[in-house]
Protein backbone atom coordinates (compact mmCIF):
# COMPACT_ATOMS: atom_id res chain seq x y z
CA MET A 1 -23.10 -6.16 -9.66
CA THR A 2 -19.95 -4.75 -12.27
CA THR A 3 -17.12 -2.90 -12.00
CA ASP A 4 -17.46 -0.63 -14.32
CA SER A 5 -21.22 0.65 -14.42
CA LYS A 6 -24.54 0.93 -11.90
CA PRO A 7 -27.67 2.13 -12.67
CA HIS A 8 -28.35 5.79 -11.85
CA LYS A 9 -30.46 6.09 -8.46
CA ALA A 10 -31.51 8.41 -6.43
CA PRO A 11 -29.56 9.79 -3.45
CA PRO A 12 -28.94 7.49 -0.63
CA ALA A 13 -31.76 7.62 1.97
CA THR A 14 -30.15 5.96 4.74
CA LEU A 15 -26.48 5.88 5.85
CA LEU A 16 -24.88 4.66 8.33
CA LEU A 17 -21.98 5.46 10.31
CA VAL A 18 -19.95 3.43 12.64
CA GLY A 19 -18.44 6.31 15.13
CA THR A 20 -19.40 9.24 16.07
CA GLY A 21 -16.64 11.33 16.91
CA LEU A 22 -15.18 14.35 15.58
CA ILE A 23 -14.87 13.37 11.65
CA GLY A 24 -17.46 10.77 11.67
CA GLY A 25 -20.16 12.93 13.34
CA SER A 26 -19.20 16.41 11.46
CA PHE A 27 -20.10 14.32 8.27
CA ALA A 28 -23.51 12.84 9.40
CA LEU A 29 -24.54 16.85 10.17
CA ALA A 30 -23.06 17.37 7.11
CA ALA A 31 -24.69 15.24 4.79
CA LYS A 32 -28.17 15.57 6.33
CA ALA A 33 -27.88 19.07 6.70
CA HIS A 34 -26.78 19.52 2.54
CA GLY A 35 -29.28 16.43 2.09
CA VAL A 36 -27.57 13.57 1.20
CA PHE A 37 -28.93 11.91 3.38
CA SER A 38 -32.75 12.12 5.09
CA ARG A 39 -31.80 9.40 7.51
CA VAL A 40 -28.50 8.12 9.57
CA VAL A 41 -28.62 5.50 11.73
CA GLY A 42 -25.16 5.31 13.83
CA THR A 43 -22.80 2.03 15.94
CA ASP A 44 -20.68 3.00 18.37
CA ARG A 45 -18.50 0.77 20.37
CA ARG A 46 -18.70 3.74 23.17
CA THR A 47 -22.42 3.50 24.69
CA GLU A 48 -22.00 7.53 26.35
CA ALA A 49 -20.75 8.61 22.45
CA LEU A 50 -24.00 7.15 20.80
CA ASP A 51 -26.46 8.12 23.37
CA ALA A 52 -24.47 11.95 23.49
CA ALA A 53 -24.52 11.70 18.89
CA LEU A 54 -28.40 9.96 19.41
CA GLU A 55 -28.90 13.59 21.26
CA LEU A 56 -26.89 15.82 19.39
CA GLY A 57 -29.07 15.11 15.94
CA ILE A 58 -25.98 13.72 14.71
CA ILE A 59 -27.94 10.31 14.29
CA ASP A 60 -31.04 9.87 13.81
CA ASP A 61 -31.50 6.11 15.37
CA ARG A 62 -29.19 3.32 16.76
CA ALA A 63 -28.42 0.66 14.78
CA SER A 64 -29.49 -2.00 16.97
CA ASP A 65 -32.88 0.03 17.44
CA ALA A 66 -33.45 0.37 13.46
CA ASP A 67 -35.18 -1.36 11.39
CA GLU A 68 -32.82 -1.63 8.82
CA SER A 69 -30.71 -4.19 7.13
CA ARG A 70 -29.57 -2.64 4.72
CA PHE A 71 -27.95 0.68 4.00
CA ASP A 72 -27.34 2.79 1.06
CA ALA A 73 -24.06 4.10 2.30
CA ALA A 74 -21.64 2.75 5.03
CA CYS A 75 -18.87 5.49 6.56
CA ILE A 76 -16.36 3.80 8.83
CA ALA A 77 -15.28 6.61 11.57
CA VAL A 78 -12.77 4.81 14.00
CA PRO A 79 -10.06 4.75 15.05
CA LEU A 80 -7.41 2.67 12.08
CA GLY A 81 -7.11 0.18 13.95
CA GLY A 82 -10.88 -1.13 13.47
CA ILE A 83 -11.25 -0.08 9.78
CA ALA A 84 -10.85 -3.40 7.88
CA SER A 85 -13.06 -5.24 10.06
CA CYS A 86 -16.17 -2.91 9.94
CA VAL A 87 -15.38 -2.00 5.83
CA ARG A 88 -15.72 -6.39 5.82
CA GLU A 89 -18.63 -6.15 7.75
CA ALA A 90 -20.62 -3.10 6.30
CA SER A 91 -19.56 -4.13 2.68
CA GLY A 92 -22.33 -6.52 2.72
CA ILE A 93 -25.02 -4.68 4.03
CA ALA A 94 -24.81 -0.89 2.70
CA THR A 95 -24.47 -0.03 -1.39
CA VAL A 96 -21.04 2.05 -0.81
CA VAL A 97 -19.00 1.96 2.05
CA PHE A 98 -15.80 4.85 2.23
CA ASP A 99 -13.60 5.57 5.39
CA VAL A 100 -11.86 8.28 6.86
CA GLY A 101 -8.96 7.37 8.11
CA SER A 102 -5.49 9.29 8.02
CA VAL A 103 -2.83 6.43 7.46
CA LYS A 104 -4.85 4.44 3.65
CA GLY A 105 -1.94 1.56 2.97
CA SER A 106 -2.46 -0.62 6.53
CA VAL A 107 -6.45 -1.05 6.38
CA ILE A 108 -5.81 -2.13 2.50
CA ASP A 109 -2.93 -3.96 3.02
CA ALA A 110 -5.33 -5.66 6.01
CA LEU A 111 -8.33 -5.84 3.92
CA GLU A 112 -6.27 -7.81 1.16
CA THR A 113 -8.70 -8.14 -1.35
CA PRO A 114 -11.10 -5.09 -0.62
CA PRO A 115 -14.41 -4.66 -1.41
CA GLU A 116 -15.35 -3.54 -4.59
CA ASN A 117 -17.92 -0.98 -3.05
CA TYR A 118 -14.99 0.25 -1.37
CA VAL A 119 -13.68 3.83 -1.27
CA PRO A 120 -11.25 4.19 1.35
CA CYS A 121 -10.90 8.34 2.12
CA HIS A 122 -9.16 10.83 4.09
CA PRO A 123 -10.72 14.33 4.85
CA ILE A 124 -7.84 16.90 5.79
CA ALA A 125 -9.73 18.55 8.64
CA GLY A 126 -9.69 18.11 12.11
CA SER A 127 -9.68 19.42 15.51
CA GLU A 128 -7.73 18.90 18.69
CA ARG A 129 -10.99 18.42 20.31
CA HIS A 130 -12.92 14.87 19.52
CA GLY A 131 -16.70 13.70 20.10
CA PRO A 132 -19.36 14.09 18.88
CA ALA A 133 -19.69 17.39 20.75
CA ALA A 134 -16.93 18.70 18.82
CA ALA A 135 -18.83 18.16 15.58
CA ASP A 136 -19.50 20.71 13.15
CA ALA A 137 -21.81 20.54 9.45
CA GLY A 138 -19.13 23.04 7.93
CA LEU A 139 -16.07 20.81 8.97
CA PHE A 140 -15.40 20.27 5.38
CA SER A 141 -16.28 23.57 3.18
CA LYS A 142 -13.67 23.97 0.86
CA ARG A 143 -11.64 21.38 2.55
CA THR A 144 -9.75 18.90 0.72
CA VAL A 145 -10.54 14.96 0.69
CA VAL A 146 -7.89 12.44 -0.88
CA MET A 147 -9.75 8.96 -1.70
CA THR A 148 -6.94 6.37 -2.93
CA PRO A 149 -9.01 3.95 -4.64
CA THR A 150 -7.73 -0.11 -4.70
CA ALA A 151 -7.44 -2.04 -7.32
CA THR A 152 -10.94 -3.51 -6.72
CA THR A 153 -12.68 -0.87 -6.85
CA ALA A 154 -15.79 -0.02 -8.75
CA PRO A 155 -15.49 3.13 -10.31
CA TRP A 156 -19.07 4.06 -10.11
CA ALA A 157 -18.25 3.91 -6.57
CA VAL A 158 -15.43 6.05 -6.53
CA GLU A 159 -18.11 8.39 -8.32
CA GLU A 160 -20.73 7.95 -5.29
CA VAL A 161 -18.41 8.81 -2.92
CA ARG A 162 -16.47 11.84 -4.65
CA ARG A 163 -20.64 13.27 -4.56
CA PHE A 164 -20.82 12.39 -1.08
CA TRP A 165 -17.55 15.00 -0.28
CA GLU A 166 -18.47 17.35 -3.49
CA ALA A 167 -22.10 17.50 -1.75
CA VAL A 168 -20.77 18.57 1.65
CA GLY A 169 -18.37 21.46 0.33
CA ALA A 170 -14.98 19.20 -0.25
CA ASP A 171 -12.62 19.55 -2.88
CA VAL A 172 -11.52 15.92 -3.79
CA GLU A 173 -8.41 14.60 -5.00
CA THR A 174 -7.12 10.73 -5.92
CA GLN A 175 -3.33 9.64 -5.40
CA THR A 176 -2.61 5.73 -4.37
CA ALA A 177 -2.56 4.59 -0.86
CA ASP A 178 0.99 4.83 -0.75
CA GLN A 179 1.24 8.55 -2.22
CA HIS A 180 -1.29 9.72 -0.19
CA ASP A 181 0.59 7.59 3.16
CA GLN A 182 4.40 9.34 2.56
CA ARG A 183 2.85 12.85 1.61
CA PHE A 184 1.32 12.97 5.13
CA ALA A 185 3.79 11.73 6.68
CA LEU A 186 5.22 14.74 6.54
CA LEU A 187 2.25 17.08 6.09
CA SER A 188 0.73 15.89 9.29
CA HIS A 189 1.64 13.01 11.58
CA LEU A 190 5.31 13.93 12.11
CA PRO A 191 3.87 17.54 13.12
CA HIS A 192 1.92 15.17 15.70
CA LEU A 193 5.03 13.70 16.97
CA VAL A 194 6.82 16.63 17.28
CA ALA A 195 4.79 18.44 18.92
CA VAL A 196 4.24 14.63 21.68
CA ALA A 197 7.70 14.67 21.65
CA PHE A 198 7.76 18.49 22.93
CA MET A 199 5.54 18.46 25.45
CA ASP A 200 7.35 15.65 27.07
CA VAL A 201 10.51 17.32 27.94
CA VAL A 202 7.60 20.82 28.70
CA GLY A 203 6.60 18.14 30.90
CA ARG A 204 9.55 17.58 32.60
CA ALA A 205 10.80 20.86 32.65
CA GLY A 206 7.62 21.00 35.07
CA SER A 207 6.49 24.55 34.20
CA PHE A 208 3.87 26.08 31.74
CA ALA A 209 4.89 30.16 33.82
CA GLY A 210 5.08 32.30 30.49
CA ALA A 211 3.74 30.30 27.79
CA GLY A 212 1.81 32.19 24.93
CA SER A 213 0.75 32.42 21.76
CA GLY A 214 3.30 30.46 20.03
CA PHE A 215 3.32 27.72 22.40
CA ARG A 216 -0.19 27.40 22.09
CA ASP A 217 -0.20 27.21 18.23
CA PHE A 218 3.21 25.29 17.86
CA THR A 219 1.48 22.52 21.01
CA ARG A 220 -2.33 22.87 19.77
CA ILE A 221 -2.50 19.39 18.14
CA ALA A 222 -0.64 17.79 21.21
CA ALA A 223 -3.77 17.59 22.80
CA GLY A 224 -5.75 15.50 20.15
CA ASP A 225 -7.82 11.65 20.45
CA ALA A 226 -4.89 9.24 22.30
CA GLU A 227 -6.28 6.26 20.85
CA VAL A 228 -6.80 7.66 17.16
CA TRP A 229 -3.10 8.95 17.39
CA HIS A 230 -1.79 5.88 18.46
CA ASP A 231 -3.32 4.07 15.24
CA ILE A 232 -2.05 6.92 12.74
CA LEU A 233 1.38 6.72 13.98
CA HIS A 234 1.92 2.99 14.60
CA SER A 235 0.67 2.87 10.82
CA ASN A 236 2.72 4.75 9.30
CA ALA A 237 5.42 4.45 11.48
CA GLY A 238 7.36 3.59 8.37
CA HIS A 239 7.03 6.66 6.24
CA VAL A 240 7.19 9.03 9.12
CA ARG A 241 10.61 7.40 10.81
CA ARG A 242 12.04 8.71 7.67
CA TYR A 243 11.18 11.89 7.81
CA LEU A 244 12.05 12.19 11.06
CA ASP A 245 15.29 11.14 11.31
CA GLU A 246 16.02 13.76 7.92
CA LEU A 247 13.95 16.31 10.93
CA ILE A 248 17.07 14.56 13.66
CA ASP A 249 19.85 15.43 11.60
CA ASP A 250 18.64 18.83 10.51
CA LEU A 251 18.00 20.06 14.40
CA ARG A 252 21.74 18.92 14.93
CA THR A 253 23.14 21.07 12.61
CA LEU A 254 21.09 24.12 13.05
CA GLY A 255 21.61 23.80 16.87
CA ASP A 256 24.82 24.07 15.78
CA ALA A 257 24.34 27.46 13.98
CA ALA A 258 22.42 29.15 17.04
CA GLU A 259 25.64 28.70 18.86
CA LYS A 260 28.00 30.18 16.27
CA GLY A 261 25.09 32.27 14.94
CA GLY A 262 26.18 34.70 11.77
CA PRO A 263 24.51 34.23 8.44
CA SER A 264 24.79 30.55 8.07
CA LEU A 265 21.70 30.81 11.16
CA HIS A 266 20.29 34.07 9.81
CA ARG A 267 19.43 32.45 6.30
CA ARG A 268 17.99 29.49 8.27
CA ILE A 269 15.75 31.49 9.85
CA GLU A 270 14.69 34.10 6.63
CA GLY A 271 14.17 30.44 4.56
CA ALA A 272 11.35 29.23 7.16
CA SER A 273 10.02 32.53 7.32
CA ARG A 274 9.71 32.47 3.52
CA LEU A 275 8.24 29.09 3.22
CA ARG A 276 6.15 29.81 5.77
CA ARG A 277 4.66 32.92 4.15
CA ALA A 278 4.79 31.97 0.57
CA PHE A 279 2.28 28.79 2.14
CA ASP A 280 -0.58 31.58 3.82
CA ALA A 281 -0.54 33.77 0.60
CA ALA A 282 -1.38 30.28 -0.76
CA ARG A 283 -4.43 29.76 0.83
CA ASP A 284 -5.88 32.65 0.94
C-alpha cells in the first residue's frame, strides 16, 4: 500500500465501532442515516452499553457475533487511555482507522510509529450526558471536527476520513497535534477543571439553595463522564496547567479589584461582557 495514492472505491459498507457511548454512538447513527455505512458492528468493554447500543439500533451486531474478519473503517471511541491499543489492533483489520479523543499528542506518542491508515480526530461536539442512550444522529451537524494527521498518516486515509465527517454535516479543520492540544487546553479542558473546582466549593458549602440559571449554565459541564474527563485532564495536564496558572493569577487580581470597586473592576467586567457578545455574534 502506498502512502500517496489509493484507488477510489465505493463508500465503505461496514464500520467497526469500538466504544458505543455518546460520540461513537452518535457517529454510527449519523453515518448510517447519511448512507456512509450500511452496517455497524460494535464492541464495548461494558456489556450493558453494548446491549443498549444493539437495542437502540446504534449497532447492527456485536463484534463477537459478526462474520466479518475485516472492516472498511474503524471508529475508536473509548476513553483516552485506551485509544492507542485499540488503534494498534484495529489498524490490522480495518482499511482506515480514526479516533474521537479530545487530546491528540498523548495518543500519537503512545503509538510511537502510528499506522499509515490511522487519522487522529476530535469532533467538537458533546453533552454532559453519556452512554448509548445519549447518542444523537444530528450531533455533528454544523460542528467542527479537527483532524491531526501524523507524519506517517497516508494522504488517502486523511481524505477518506474527511469524507466521513463531511457526510454527517461536520466542518473539518486540520491542525498539528500540539496546536490542537494547546487550543483545547484553553477552550475546553480548563473550563471543565474550573467547573469541577467550583462544584467542590459548592459541595463543601453544603447547599444548592437559591441556585438559578447562571449556576446551571456555569456548572453544566461538571456533570460529564468522570472516566473520560480524568483521562483528558491528565493527558493534557501540561498545557492545562499553563493556562490554569495564568487564570489563578488573574483571579487574584480580579478579587483585589472587586474589593476596591471603581473603574478597574468596571473595565474588567465590561471587557469580559464585550468578548462574550463577540463570541455569540460570530456563531450567529
